[in-house]
Amino acid sequence: MKKAVSLVISLLLIIGIVPISASAETTSITQDGIEYEIDTATGEAEVCYADESIVTADIPSEINGYPVTSIGDLAFWDCTSLTEITIPDSVTSIGWDAFYKCTSLTEIDVDENNQNYCSENGILFTKDKTELIQYPAGKSDTA
């Protein structure tokens, strides 16, 4: 199913509905079931894909010397076994539906030094708590 989504996104890129990144200087690295795309032109890395079987995800603040600054659109899509994710202080953006269909997700922890995001009781908010970013789908209590 992820391949079908990738195909649709690729087609949207081709016909110009979704913009293509200006940089063609990218490389991919996979670590602990998570694929990172490194843009050597900007000097930043993005979480772009996670293996559906991962149970926990501890995103590092950097990979191969590049800061991990974003979690891409649909990065953890359909990771139904994922229960907990830790987001470092280096992440400045989280893409559209990054945790879509993560039905077992119960805890999102954000490094307290993150300037853009925070978590409270495992729930992801903007730093000033004016916007709820993600209520974990597997969380059974009310905040």
N, C-alpha and C. Protein backbone atom coordinates (compact mmCIF):
# COMPACT_ATOMS: atom_id res chain seq x y z
N MET A 1 0.81 -1.18 0.00
CA MET A 1 0.00 0.00 0.00
C MET A 1 0.87 1.26 0.00
N LYS A 2 1.99 1.23 0.76
CA LYS A 2 2.87 2.40 0.76
C LYS A 2 3.43 2.65 -0.62
N LYS A 3 3.67 1.58 -1.36
CA LYS A 3 4.19 1.75 -2.72
C LYS A 3 3.15 2.45 -3.61
N ALA A 4 1.88 2.14 -3.37
CA ALA A 4 0.82 2.80 -4.14
C ALA A 4 0.77 4.29 -3.83
N VAL A 5 0.93 4.63 -2.56
CA VAL A 5 0.94 6.04 -2.17
C VAL A 5 2.16 6.72 -2.79
N SER A 6 3.32 6.06 -2.76
CA SER A 6 4.52 6.62 -3.38
C SER A 6 4.31 6.85 -4.86
N LEU A 7 3.62 5.93 -5.52
CA LEU A 7 3.35 6.06 -6.95
C LEU A 7 2.45 7.27 -7.20
N VAL A 8 1.41 7.43 -6.38
CA VAL A 8 0.50 8.57 -6.53
C VAL A 8 1.26 9.88 -6.33
N ILE A 9 2.08 9.95 -5.29
CA ILE A 9 2.87 11.16 -5.04
C ILE A 9 3.81 11.43 -6.20
N SER A 10 4.43 10.39 -6.73
CA SER A 10 5.33 10.55 -7.88
C SER A 10 4.57 11.12 -9.08
N LEU A 11 3.37 10.61 -9.32
CA LEU A 11 2.57 11.11 -10.43
C LEU A 11 2.18 12.57 -10.22
N LEU A 12 1.85 12.93 -8.98
CA LEU A 12 1.52 14.32 -8.68
C LEU A 12 2.72 15.22 -8.89
N LEU A 13 3.90 14.72 -8.57
CA LEU A 13 5.12 15.49 -8.82
C LEU A 13 5.31 15.73 -10.31
N ILE A 14 5.08 14.68 -11.09
CA ILE A 14 5.28 14.76 -12.54
C ILE A 14 4.34 15.77 -13.18
N ILE A 15 3.07 15.76 -12.76
CA ILE A 15 2.12 16.68 -13.38
C ILE A 15 2.11 18.06 -12.72
N GLY A 16 2.93 18.22 -11.68
CA GLY A 16 3.13 19.54 -11.10
C GLY A 16 2.19 19.95 -10.00
N ILE A 17 1.39 19.04 -9.47
CA ILE A 17 0.49 19.39 -8.38
C ILE A 17 1.27 19.52 -7.07
N VAL A 18 2.25 18.66 -6.87
CA VAL A 18 3.10 18.72 -5.69
C VAL A 18 4.46 19.23 -6.15
N PRO A 19 4.98 20.29 -5.52
CA PRO A 19 6.27 20.83 -5.96
C PRO A 19 7.43 19.89 -5.68
N ILE A 20 8.39 19.93 -6.55
CA ILE A 20 9.61 19.15 -6.39
C ILE A 20 10.61 20.01 -5.65
N SER A 21 11.32 19.39 -4.72
CA SER A 21 12.36 20.11 -3.98
C SER A 21 13.40 20.64 -4.94
N ALA A 22 13.91 21.82 -4.65
CA ALA A 22 14.89 22.46 -5.52
C ALA A 22 16.21 21.71 -5.53
N SER A 23 16.49 20.95 -4.49
CA SER A 23 17.77 20.27 -4.39
C SER A 23 17.69 18.85 -4.96
N ALA A 24 18.67 18.52 -5.77
CA ALA A 24 18.77 17.16 -6.29
C ALA A 24 19.93 16.43 -5.63
N GLU A 25 20.52 17.06 -4.64
CA GLU A 25 21.68 16.51 -3.96
C GLU A 25 21.24 15.78 -2.69
N THR A 26 20.57 14.64 -2.86
CA THR A 26 20.07 13.90 -1.71
C THR A 26 20.61 12.48 -1.70
N THR A 27 20.63 11.95 -0.49
CA THR A 27 21.01 10.57 -0.28
C THR A 27 20.13 10.01 0.83
N SER A 28 19.91 8.72 0.83
CA SER A 28 19.05 8.10 1.83
C SER A 28 19.86 7.18 2.73
N ILE A 29 19.50 7.18 3.99
CA ILE A 29 20.12 6.30 4.99
C ILE A 29 18.99 5.68 5.79
N THR A 30 19.09 4.39 6.04
CA THR A 30 18.11 3.71 6.88
C THR A 30 18.78 3.28 8.17
N GLN A 31 18.12 3.61 9.27
CA GLN A 31 18.64 3.24 10.59
C GLN A 31 17.47 2.87 11.48
N ASP A 32 17.53 1.70 12.09
CA ASP A 32 16.49 1.23 13.01
C ASP A 32 15.09 1.26 12.40
N GLY A 33 15.00 0.90 11.12
CA GLY A 33 13.70 0.83 10.45
C GLY A 33 13.15 2.15 9.96
N ILE A 34 13.94 3.21 10.08
CA ILE A 34 13.51 4.53 9.64
C ILE A 34 14.44 5.00 8.53
N GLU A 35 13.85 5.47 7.43
CA GLU A 35 14.64 5.99 6.32
C GLU A 35 14.70 7.51 6.41
N TYR A 36 15.92 8.01 6.29
CA TYR A 36 16.17 9.46 6.34
C TYR A 36 16.66 9.89 4.98
N GLU A 37 16.17 11.02 4.52
CA GLU A 37 16.67 11.60 3.28
C GLU A 37 17.53 12.79 3.68
N ILE A 38 18.78 12.76 3.26
CA ILE A 38 19.72 13.82 3.58
C ILE A 38 19.87 14.72 2.36
N ASP A 39 19.64 15.99 2.55
CA ASP A 39 19.83 16.97 1.49
C ASP A 39 21.17 17.65 1.76
N THR A 40 22.17 17.27 0.99
CA THR A 40 23.51 17.81 1.22
C THR A 40 23.61 19.28 0.85
N ALA A 41 22.70 19.78 0.03
CA ALA A 41 22.71 21.20 -0.34
C ALA A 41 22.27 22.07 0.83
N THR A 42 21.24 21.62 1.56
CA THR A 42 20.76 22.40 2.71
C THR A 42 21.43 21.97 4.01
N GLY A 43 22.03 20.79 4.00
CA GLY A 43 22.68 20.29 5.20
C GLY A 43 21.72 19.78 6.24
N GLU A 44 20.53 19.30 5.80
CA GLU A 44 19.51 18.82 6.71
C GLU A 44 19.01 17.44 6.32
N ALA A 45 18.45 16.75 7.30
CA ALA A 45 17.89 15.42 7.07
C ALA A 45 16.41 15.41 7.44
N GLU A 46 15.65 14.56 6.75
CA GLU A 46 14.22 14.42 6.99
C GLU A 46 13.87 12.95 7.17
N VAL A 47 12.99 12.65 8.12
CA VAL A 47 12.42 11.31 8.23
C VAL A 47 11.44 11.20 7.08
N CYS A 48 11.67 10.24 6.17
CA CYS A 48 10.78 10.16 5.01
C CYS A 48 9.97 8.86 4.96
N TYR A 49 10.38 7.85 5.71
CA TYR A 49 9.67 6.56 5.65
C TYR A 49 10.04 5.75 6.88
N ALA A 50 9.08 5.00 7.39
CA ALA A 50 9.35 4.08 8.49
C ALA A 50 8.78 2.72 8.13
N ASP A 51 9.53 1.68 8.44
CA ASP A 51 9.07 0.32 8.21
C ASP A 51 7.82 0.07 9.05
N GLU A 52 6.83 -0.53 8.47
CA GLU A 52 5.54 -0.76 9.13
C GLU A 52 5.65 -1.60 10.40
N SER A 53 6.74 -2.36 10.56
CA SER A 53 6.87 -3.26 11.70
C SER A 53 7.52 -2.64 12.93
N ILE A 54 7.98 -1.39 12.85
CA ILE A 54 8.66 -0.81 14.02
C ILE A 54 7.67 -0.63 15.17
N VAL A 55 8.18 -0.82 16.38
CA VAL A 55 7.36 -0.72 17.58
C VAL A 55 7.64 0.60 18.30
N THR A 56 8.89 1.01 18.35
CA THR A 56 9.25 2.30 18.93
C THR A 56 10.16 3.02 17.96
N ALA A 57 10.10 4.34 18.01
CA ALA A 57 10.94 5.16 17.14
C ALA A 57 11.58 6.26 17.98
N ASP A 58 12.88 6.23 18.04
CA ASP A 58 13.63 7.27 18.76
C ASP A 58 14.42 8.02 17.70
N ILE A 59 13.86 9.10 17.21
CA ILE A 59 14.49 9.86 16.13
C ILE A 59 15.72 10.58 16.69
N PRO A 60 16.87 10.39 16.08
CA PRO A 60 18.08 11.08 16.57
C PRO A 60 18.05 12.55 16.16
N SER A 61 18.78 13.38 16.89
CA SER A 61 18.84 14.79 16.54
C SER A 61 19.69 15.02 15.29
N GLU A 62 20.57 14.05 14.99
CA GLU A 62 21.33 14.12 13.74
C GLU A 62 21.64 12.72 13.23
N ILE A 63 21.84 12.65 11.93
CA ILE A 63 22.20 11.39 11.29
C ILE A 63 23.34 11.69 10.34
N ASN A 64 24.43 10.95 10.49
CA ASN A 64 25.64 11.17 9.69
C ASN A 64 26.11 12.62 9.71
N GLY A 65 25.94 13.28 10.85
CA GLY A 65 26.39 14.66 11.00
C GLY A 65 25.41 15.71 10.51
N TYR A 66 24.26 15.30 9.98
CA TYR A 66 23.25 16.23 9.49
C TYR A 66 22.10 16.30 10.49
N PRO A 67 21.66 17.50 10.86
CA PRO A 67 20.54 17.59 11.80
C PRO A 67 19.24 17.08 11.17
N VAL A 68 18.49 16.33 11.94
CA VAL A 68 17.18 15.86 11.50
C VAL A 68 16.20 16.97 11.84
N THR A 69 15.76 17.69 10.81
CA THR A 69 14.94 18.88 11.03
C THR A 69 13.46 18.68 10.72
N SER A 70 13.12 17.58 10.06
CA SER A 70 11.71 17.41 9.72
C SER A 70 11.29 15.94 9.68
N ILE A 71 9.99 15.76 9.88
CA ILE A 71 9.33 14.48 9.71
C ILE A 71 8.40 14.70 8.53
N GLY A 72 8.62 13.97 7.47
CA GLY A 72 7.90 14.20 6.22
C GLY A 72 6.45 13.76 6.22
N ASP A 73 5.74 14.19 5.18
CA ASP A 73 4.36 13.77 4.97
C ASP A 73 4.28 12.25 4.97
N LEU A 74 3.34 11.71 5.71
CA LEU A 74 3.05 10.26 5.75
C LEU A 74 4.26 9.41 6.15
N ALA A 75 5.24 9.99 6.83
CA ALA A 75 6.48 9.28 7.16
C ALA A 75 6.24 7.98 7.94
N PHE A 76 5.30 7.99 8.87
CA PHE A 76 5.03 6.79 9.67
C PHE A 76 3.69 6.17 9.28
N TRP A 77 3.25 6.44 8.07
CA TRP A 77 1.96 5.98 7.59
C TRP A 77 1.82 4.46 7.72
N ASP A 78 0.73 4.03 8.33
CA ASP A 78 0.36 2.62 8.47
C ASP A 78 1.34 1.81 9.33
N CYS A 79 2.06 2.48 10.22
CA CYS A 79 2.93 1.77 11.18
C CYS A 79 2.05 1.34 12.35
N THR A 80 1.26 0.31 12.12
CA THR A 80 0.24 -0.11 13.08
C THR A 80 0.83 -0.73 14.35
N SER A 81 2.11 -1.09 14.34
CA SER A 81 2.76 -1.64 15.54
C SER A 81 3.45 -0.57 16.37
N LEU A 82 3.58 0.63 15.83
CA LEU A 82 4.27 1.71 16.52
C LEU A 82 3.49 2.14 17.75
N THR A 83 4.15 2.08 18.92
CA THR A 83 3.49 2.46 20.17
C THR A 83 4.03 3.76 20.74
N GLU A 84 5.30 4.07 20.47
CA GLU A 84 5.91 5.26 21.06
C GLU A 84 6.92 5.87 20.10
N ILE A 85 6.95 7.19 20.08
CA ILE A 85 7.92 7.91 19.25
C ILE A 85 8.51 9.05 20.08
N THR A 86 9.81 9.25 19.92
CA THR A 86 10.51 10.35 20.57
C THR A 86 11.03 11.30 19.51
N ILE A 87 10.69 12.58 19.66
CA ILE A 87 11.07 13.61 18.69
C ILE A 87 12.13 14.51 19.33
N PRO A 88 13.27 14.68 18.66
CA PRO A 88 14.36 15.48 19.24
C PRO A 88 14.12 16.98 19.13
N ASP A 89 14.99 17.74 19.77
CA ASP A 89 14.89 19.20 19.74
C ASP A 89 15.17 19.78 18.36
N SER A 90 15.83 19.03 17.49
CA SER A 90 16.22 19.53 16.16
C SER A 90 15.06 19.60 15.16
N VAL A 91 13.96 18.89 15.42
CA VAL A 91 12.84 18.85 14.48
C VAL A 91 12.06 20.17 14.53
N THR A 92 11.98 20.81 13.34
CA THR A 92 11.29 22.10 13.24
C THR A 92 10.00 22.02 12.44
N SER A 93 9.78 20.89 11.75
CA SER A 93 8.52 20.74 11.01
C SER A 93 8.09 19.27 10.98
N ILE A 94 6.78 19.11 11.02
CA ILE A 94 6.18 17.78 10.95
C ILE A 94 5.15 17.83 9.83
N GLY A 95 5.31 16.94 8.87
CA GLY A 95 4.48 16.95 7.67
C GLY A 95 3.07 16.45 7.87
N TRP A 96 2.32 16.62 6.80
CA TRP A 96 0.92 16.24 6.72
C TRP A 96 0.75 14.75 6.99
N ASP A 97 -0.14 14.42 7.92
CA ASP A 97 -0.49 13.04 8.27
C ASP A 97 0.74 12.17 8.53
N ALA A 98 1.74 12.72 9.20
CA ALA A 98 2.97 11.99 9.48
C ALA A 98 2.73 10.70 10.26
N PHE A 99 1.68 10.66 11.08
CA PHE A 99 1.40 9.48 11.91
C PHE A 99 0.06 8.83 11.54
N TYR A 100 -0.34 8.99 10.29
CA TYR A 100 -1.63 8.46 9.82
C TYR A 100 -1.66 6.94 9.92
N LYS A 101 -2.74 6.44 10.49
CA LYS A 101 -3.00 5.01 10.67
C LYS A 101 -2.00 4.33 11.61
N CYS A 102 -1.42 5.09 12.54
CA CYS A 102 -0.58 4.51 13.59
C CYS A 102 -1.52 4.15 14.75
N THR A 103 -2.28 3.09 14.55
CA THR A 103 -3.39 2.75 15.44
C THR A 103 -2.96 2.30 16.83
N SER A 104 -1.70 1.90 17.02
CA SER A 104 -1.21 1.48 18.34
C SER A 104 -0.45 2.56 19.07
N LEU A 105 -0.27 3.71 18.42
CA LEU A 105 0.52 4.80 19.00
C LEU A 105 -0.17 5.35 20.25
N THR A 106 0.55 5.30 21.38
CA THR A 106 -0.01 5.78 22.64
C THR A 106 0.81 6.91 23.25
N GLU A 107 2.02 7.13 22.77
CA GLU A 107 2.91 8.10 23.42
C GLU A 107 3.78 8.80 22.39
N ILE A 108 3.72 10.13 22.40
CA ILE A 108 4.62 10.96 21.60
C ILE A 108 5.38 11.83 22.59
N ASP A 109 6.69 11.66 22.63
CA ASP A 109 7.53 12.44 23.54
C ASP A 109 8.39 13.39 22.73
N VAL A 110 8.41 14.65 23.14
CA VAL A 110 9.20 15.67 22.46
C VAL A 110 10.25 16.18 23.43
N ASP A 111 11.49 16.29 22.96
CA ASP A 111 12.57 16.84 23.77
C ASP A 111 12.14 18.21 24.30
N GLU A 112 12.36 18.45 25.57
CA GLU A 112 11.91 19.71 26.18
C GLU A 112 12.59 20.95 25.59
N ASN A 113 13.72 20.77 24.90
CA ASN A 113 14.42 21.89 24.28
C ASN A 113 13.95 22.19 22.86
N ASN A 114 12.97 21.43 22.37
CA ASN A 114 12.45 21.69 21.02
C ASN A 114 11.76 23.05 21.01
N GLN A 115 12.09 23.88 20.02
CA GLN A 115 11.56 25.24 19.95
C GLN A 115 10.18 25.33 19.29
N ASN A 116 9.75 24.26 18.57
CA ASN A 116 8.51 24.31 17.82
C ASN A 116 7.39 23.42 18.36
N TYR A 117 7.77 22.35 19.05
CA TYR A 117 6.79 21.37 19.49
C TYR A 117 7.01 21.00 20.95
N CYS A 118 5.94 20.48 21.57
CA CYS A 118 6.03 19.95 22.92
C CYS A 118 5.03 18.80 23.04
N SER A 119 5.18 18.04 24.11
CA SER A 119 4.20 16.98 24.37
C SER A 119 3.77 17.08 25.82
N GLU A 120 2.53 16.76 26.02
CA GLU A 120 1.98 16.72 27.36
C GLU A 120 1.10 15.48 27.44
N ASN A 121 1.39 14.64 28.41
CA ASN A 121 0.65 13.39 28.57
C ASN A 121 0.69 12.55 27.28
N GLY A 122 1.82 12.65 26.55
CA GLY A 122 2.00 11.86 25.33
C GLY A 122 1.33 12.42 24.10
N ILE A 123 0.79 13.64 24.20
CA ILE A 123 0.06 14.26 23.10
C ILE A 123 0.94 15.36 22.50
N LEU A 124 0.98 15.45 21.18
CA LEU A 124 1.84 16.39 20.47
C LEU A 124 1.13 17.71 20.19
N PHE A 125 1.76 18.81 20.62
CA PHE A 125 1.25 20.16 20.43
C PHE A 125 2.32 21.06 19.82
N THR A 126 1.89 22.23 19.32
CA THR A 126 2.86 23.27 19.01
C THR A 126 3.43 23.73 20.35
N LYS A 127 4.59 24.36 20.32
CA LYS A 127 5.28 24.74 21.56
C LYS A 127 4.40 25.60 22.47
N ASP A 128 3.64 26.51 21.90
CA ASP A 128 2.79 27.38 22.72
C ASP A 128 1.44 26.74 23.08
N LYS A 129 1.25 25.49 22.67
CA LYS A 129 0.05 24.70 22.95
C LYS A 129 -1.23 25.31 22.40
N THR A 130 -1.10 26.10 21.35
CA THR A 130 -2.30 26.67 20.72
C THR A 130 -2.85 25.74 19.64
N GLU A 131 -2.08 24.74 19.27
CA GLU A 131 -2.53 23.82 18.22
C GLU A 131 -2.18 22.38 18.59
N LEU A 132 -3.18 21.53 18.53
CA LEU A 132 -2.99 20.10 18.72
C LEU A 132 -2.48 19.54 17.40
N ILE A 133 -1.31 18.93 17.42
CA ILE A 133 -0.74 18.35 16.19
C ILE A 133 -1.17 16.91 16.04
N GLN A 134 -1.06 16.11 17.11
CA GLN A 134 -1.42 14.69 17.01
C GLN A 134 -1.84 14.16 18.37
N TYR A 135 -3.04 13.64 18.42
CA TYR A 135 -3.48 12.86 19.58
C TYR A 135 -3.25 11.41 19.18
N PRO A 136 -2.41 10.67 19.91
CA PRO A 136 -2.09 9.30 19.50
C PRO A 136 -3.34 8.43 19.36
N ALA A 137 -3.46 7.77 18.22
CA ALA A 137 -4.65 6.98 17.89
C ALA A 137 -4.89 5.83 18.86
N GLY A 138 -3.84 5.29 19.46
CA GLY A 138 -3.99 4.17 20.38
C GLY A 138 -4.18 4.57 21.83
N LYS A 139 -4.19 5.86 22.08
CA LYS A 139 -4.33 6.37 23.45
C LYS A 139 -5.78 6.23 23.88
N SER A 140 -6.01 5.56 24.99
CA SER A 140 -7.39 5.28 25.41
C SER A 140 -7.93 6.26 26.45
N ASP A 141 -7.05 6.99 27.12
CA ASP A 141 -7.53 7.94 28.13
C ASP A 141 -7.81 9.30 27.50
N THR A 142 -8.39 10.17 28.27
CA THR A 142 -8.60 11.54 27.81
C THR A 142 -7.62 12.42 28.54
N ALA A 143 -7.08 13.39 27.84
CA ALA A 143 -6.01 14.22 28.41
C ALA A 143 -6.52 15.18 29.45
